[in-house]
N, C-alpha and C. Protein backbone atom coordinates (compact mmCIF):
# COMPACT_ATOMS: atom_id res chain seq x y z
N MET A 1 0.85 -0.96 0.14
CA MET A 1 -0.06 0.22 0.06
C MET A 1 0.89 1.09 0.06
N LYS A 2 0.29 2.60 -0.08
CA LYS A 2 1.00 3.61 -0.40
C LYS A 2 0.22 4.48 -0.65
N PHE A 3 0.68 6.11 0.18
CA PHE A 3 -0.11 6.74 0.24
C PHE A 3 0.67 7.93 -0.33
N THR A 4 0.23 8.56 -1.30
CA THR A 4 0.82 9.78 -1.94
C THR A 4 -0.36 11.41 -2.35
N TYR A 5 1.01 12.17 -2.02
CA TYR A 5 0.15 13.44 -2.04
C TYR A 5 1.03 14.36 -3.24
N ASP A 6 -0.19 14.83 -3.86
CA ASP A 6 0.23 16.27 -4.95
C ASP A 6 -0.24 17.13 -4.48
N PRO A 7 0.37 18.50 -3.46
CA PRO A 7 0.11 19.77 -3.99
C PRO A 7 0.04 20.44 -4.74
N ARG A 8 0.53 19.52 -5.86
CA ARG A 8 0.61 21.15 -6.64
C ARG A 8 -1.31 21.03 -7.20
N TYR A 9 -1.86 19.68 -7.22
CA TYR A 9 -3.14 19.82 -7.64
C TYR A 9 -3.64 19.09 -6.19
N ASN A 10 -3.43 19.30 -5.30
CA ASN A 10 -3.96 18.95 -3.77
C ASN A 10 -4.75 18.01 -3.66
N ILE A 11 -4.12 16.61 -4.35
CA ILE A 11 -4.99 15.47 -4.58
C ILE A 11 -3.78 14.84 -3.96
N ALA A 12 -4.66 13.23 -3.31
CA ALA A 12 -4.17 12.48 -2.32
C ALA A 12 -4.60 10.32 -3.13
N TYR A 13 -3.46 9.89 -2.69
CA TYR A 13 -4.18 8.94 -3.26
C TYR A 13 -3.63 7.81 -2.94
N ILE A 14 -4.69 7.11 -2.06
CA ILE A 14 -4.05 5.32 -1.57
C ILE A 14 -4.57 4.24 -2.35
N ARG A 15 -3.31 4.04 -2.55
CA ARG A 15 -2.94 3.04 -3.45
C ARG A 15 -2.54 1.58 -3.04
N PHE A 16 -3.62 0.37 -3.48
CA PHE A 16 -3.68 -0.53 -2.98
C PHE A 16 -2.66 -1.19 -3.45
N GLN A 17 -2.56 -1.31 -4.75
CA GLN A 17 -1.77 -2.49 -5.45
C GLN A 17 -1.79 -1.61 -6.70
N GLU A 18 -0.89 -2.01 -7.51
CA GLU A 18 -0.40 -1.50 -8.99
C GLU A 18 -1.16 -1.95 -9.82
N LYS A 19 -1.68 -1.24 -10.51
CA LYS A 19 -2.80 -1.14 -12.05
C LYS A 19 -2.52 -2.41 -12.83
N ASN A 20 -3.03 -2.99 -13.12
CA ASN A 20 -2.40 -4.54 -14.29
C ASN A 20 -3.89 -4.43 -15.26
N ALA A 21 -4.39 -3.50 -14.68
CA ALA A 21 -6.09 -3.88 -15.77
C ALA A 21 -6.52 -2.57 -15.94
N GLU A 22 -7.71 -2.59 -16.74
CA GLU A 22 -7.89 -1.16 -16.79
C GLU A 22 -8.87 -1.14 -16.07
N VAL A 23 -9.55 0.51 -15.23
CA VAL A 23 -9.48 0.68 -14.13
C VAL A 23 -11.33 1.32 -13.83
N GLU A 24 -12.07 1.52 -13.60
CA GLU A 24 -13.38 2.33 -13.45
C GLU A 24 -12.83 3.33 -12.60
N ALA A 25 -13.50 4.95 -12.14
CA ALA A 25 -13.28 5.40 -11.78
C ALA A 25 -14.79 5.52 -11.11
N ILE A 26 -14.58 5.31 -9.72
CA ILE A 26 -16.50 5.63 -9.47
C ILE A 26 -16.08 6.56 -8.67
N ARG A 27 -16.51 7.96 -9.08
CA ARG A 27 -17.44 9.24 -8.14
C ARG A 27 -17.78 8.80 -7.31
N LEU A 28 -17.60 8.96 -6.02
CA LEU A 28 -18.81 8.50 -5.44
C LEU A 28 -19.19 10.47 -4.46
N SER A 29 -18.41 11.08 -4.72
CA SER A 29 -18.53 12.51 -4.24
C SER A 29 -18.03 13.95 -4.80
N ASP A 30 -18.03 15.19 -4.52
CA ASP A 30 -16.92 15.48 -5.22
C ASP A 30 -15.68 16.11 -4.81
N GLU A 31 -15.33 14.74 -3.87
CA GLU A 31 -14.19 14.76 -3.01
C GLU A 31 -13.69 13.44 -3.17
N LEU A 32 -14.06 12.31 -3.68
CA LEU A 32 -13.84 11.36 -3.27
C LEU A 32 -13.98 10.22 -4.51
N VAL A 33 -12.70 9.57 -5.20
CA VAL A 33 -12.71 8.98 -6.60
C VAL A 33 -12.34 7.15 -5.96
N VAL A 34 -12.91 6.44 -6.41
CA VAL A 34 -12.53 5.08 -5.90
C VAL A 34 -11.86 4.34 -7.21
N ASP A 35 -10.81 3.83 -7.69
CA ASP A 35 -10.07 3.30 -8.79
C ASP A 35 -10.68 1.57 -8.37
N ILE A 36 -11.63 1.21 -9.57
CA ILE A 36 -12.00 -0.78 -9.41
C ILE A 36 -11.51 -1.40 -10.19
N ALA A 37 -11.39 -2.67 -10.87
CA ALA A 37 -11.01 -3.37 -11.50
C ALA A 37 -12.55 -4.13 -11.71
N PRO A 38 -12.47 -4.43 -13.21
CA PRO A 38 -13.68 -5.24 -13.69
C PRO A 38 -14.23 -6.43 -12.66
N ASP A 39 -13.17 -6.74 -11.70
CA ASP A 39 -13.33 -8.01 -11.11
C ASP A 39 -13.93 -7.34 -10.06
N GLY A 40 -13.57 -6.25 -9.40
CA GLY A 40 -14.33 -5.91 -8.52
C GLY A 40 -12.83 -5.25 -7.25
N THR A 41 -12.25 -5.80 -7.99
CA THR A 41 -10.80 -5.39 -6.98
C THR A 41 -10.05 -4.15 -6.75
N VAL A 42 -10.55 -3.25 -5.94
CA VAL A 42 -10.04 -1.60 -4.97
C VAL A 42 -8.69 -1.72 -5.75
N TYR A 43 -8.30 -0.39 -6.59
CA TYR A 43 -7.25 -0.41 -6.76
C TYR A 43 -6.21 0.67 -5.48
N GLY A 44 -7.84 1.56 -6.25
CA GLY A 44 -7.25 2.46 -4.83
C GLY A 44 -8.00 4.22 -4.43
N ILE A 45 -7.95 4.49 -3.71
CA ILE A 45 -8.84 5.54 -3.67
C ILE A 45 -8.36 6.94 -3.34
N GLU A 46 -9.10 8.21 -4.40
CA GLU A 46 -8.23 9.37 -4.48
C GLU A 46 -9.05 10.22 -4.28
N LEU A 47 -8.41 11.11 -3.20
CA LEU A 47 -9.12 12.07 -2.28
C LEU A 47 -8.74 13.64 -3.17
N LEU A 48 -9.53 14.09 -3.81
CA LEU A 48 -9.95 15.65 -3.81
C LEU A 48 -10.12 16.37 -2.70
N ASN A 49 -9.38 17.81 -3.21
CA ASN A 49 -9.29 18.48 -2.29
C ASN A 49 -8.25 17.99 -0.84
N ALA A 50 -7.86 17.51 -1.01
CA ALA A 50 -7.42 16.65 0.07
C ALA A 50 -6.82 17.19 0.46
N ASN A 51 -6.00 18.94 1.12
CA ASN A 51 -5.64 18.94 1.89
C ASN A 51 -6.55 19.30 3.35
N GLU A 52 -7.48 20.18 2.50
CA GLU A 52 -9.11 19.96 3.40
C GLU A 52 -9.04 18.75 4.05
N GLN A 53 -9.44 17.27 3.35
CA GLN A 53 -9.82 16.81 4.58
C GLN A 53 -9.19 16.08 5.37
N VAL A 54 -7.73 16.14 5.14
CA VAL A 54 -7.00 15.60 6.67
C VAL A 54 -6.90 16.21 6.70
N SER A 55 -7.00 17.63 7.41
CA SER A 55 -6.33 17.99 7.86
C SER A 55 -7.86 18.63 8.97
N ARG A 56 -8.64 18.27 8.87
CA ARG A 56 -10.03 18.35 9.13
C ARG A 56 -10.44 18.18 10.81
N ASP A 57 -10.17 17.12 11.32
CA ASP A 57 -10.15 17.48 12.89
C ASP A 57 -8.90 16.94 13.24
N ASP A 58 -7.86 16.59 12.39
CA ASP A 58 -6.94 16.38 13.09
C ASP A 58 -5.14 16.75 13.02
N SER A 59 -5.44 18.01 12.86
CA SER A 59 -4.62 18.88 11.89
C SER A 59 -3.31 18.80 10.84
N GLY A 60 -3.53 17.97 10.23
CA GLY A 60 -3.21 17.07 9.06
C GLY A 60 -2.05 15.98 9.55
N GLU A 61 -2.73 14.91 10.30
CA GLU A 61 -1.87 13.76 10.80
C GLU A 61 -2.46 12.89 9.63
N PHE A 62 -1.70 12.50 9.14
CA PHE A 62 -1.46 10.35 9.11
C PHE A 62 -0.97 9.92 9.96
N VAL A 63 -2.14 9.50 10.14
CA VAL A 63 -1.81 7.88 11.55
C VAL A 63 -2.36 6.95 11.44
N ILE A 64 -1.38 6.11 11.23
CA ILE A 64 -1.12 4.43 10.46
C ILE A 64 -1.11 3.24 12.05
N VAL A 65 -2.34 2.37 12.29
CA VAL A 65 -2.21 2.38 13.83
C VAL A 65 -2.67 0.62 13.75
N ASN A 66 -1.92 0.05 14.57
CA ASN A 66 -2.05 -1.69 14.12
C ASN A 66 -2.95 -1.74 14.91
N GLU A 67 -3.53 -2.27 14.77
CA GLU A 67 -5.26 -2.87 15.98
C GLU A 67 -4.71 -3.47 17.31
N ALA A 68 -3.68 -4.61 16.77
CA ALA A 68 -3.97 -5.41 16.68
C ALA A 68 -2.68 -5.89 18.22
N THR A 69 -1.90 -4.57 17.50
CA THR A 69 -0.71 -4.94 18.71
C THR A 69 -0.92 -2.82 19.86
N GLY A 70 -1.58 -2.18 19.42
CA GLY A 70 -1.16 -1.01 19.93
C GLY A 70 -0.43 -0.22 18.94
N LYS A 71 0.55 -1.20 18.10
CA LYS A 71 1.54 -0.01 17.67
C LYS A 71 1.41 1.22 16.76
N ARG A 72 1.43 2.23 16.74
CA ARG A 72 0.78 3.69 15.68
C ARG A 72 2.49 4.98 14.74
N ALA A 73 1.95 4.97 14.07
CA ALA A 73 3.23 6.09 13.66
C ALA A 73 2.10 6.64 12.91
N GLU A 74 3.00 7.84 13.47
CA GLU A 74 1.91 9.79 12.50
C GLU A 74 2.58 10.30 11.69
N PHE A 75 2.48 10.91 10.76
CA PHE A 75 2.95 12.46 9.90
C PHE A 75 2.95 12.91 9.16
N SER A 76 2.81 13.56 9.43
CA SER A 76 2.64 15.21 9.33
C SER A 76 2.46 15.34 7.92
N LEU A 77 1.08 15.64 7.78
CA LEU A 77 1.01 15.99 5.99
C LEU A 77 0.84 17.35 5.28
N VAL A 78 0.42 17.76 6.31
CA VAL A 78 0.37 19.00 6.01
C VAL A 78 1.16 20.26 6.91
N GLN A 79 1.23 21.45 6.22
CA GLN A 79 2.88 22.52 6.57
C GLN A 79 2.38 23.83 6.99
């Protein structure tokens, strides 16, 4: 899995796997697009207006939590 952010276009992308087939981009809202393969596999989630979405309630922190161990890592996404 890979999380990328492009500040030029203010778009973040959560990629679950490399695209190895044509995908359909399904726009769920003005700020959310999901890329899905014909077999239903989710390839990624695109966040439009990303800096607004990631800084709404958590000061722009990206937090990864292992629910089994309680370990967590935090990364700042806003400057």
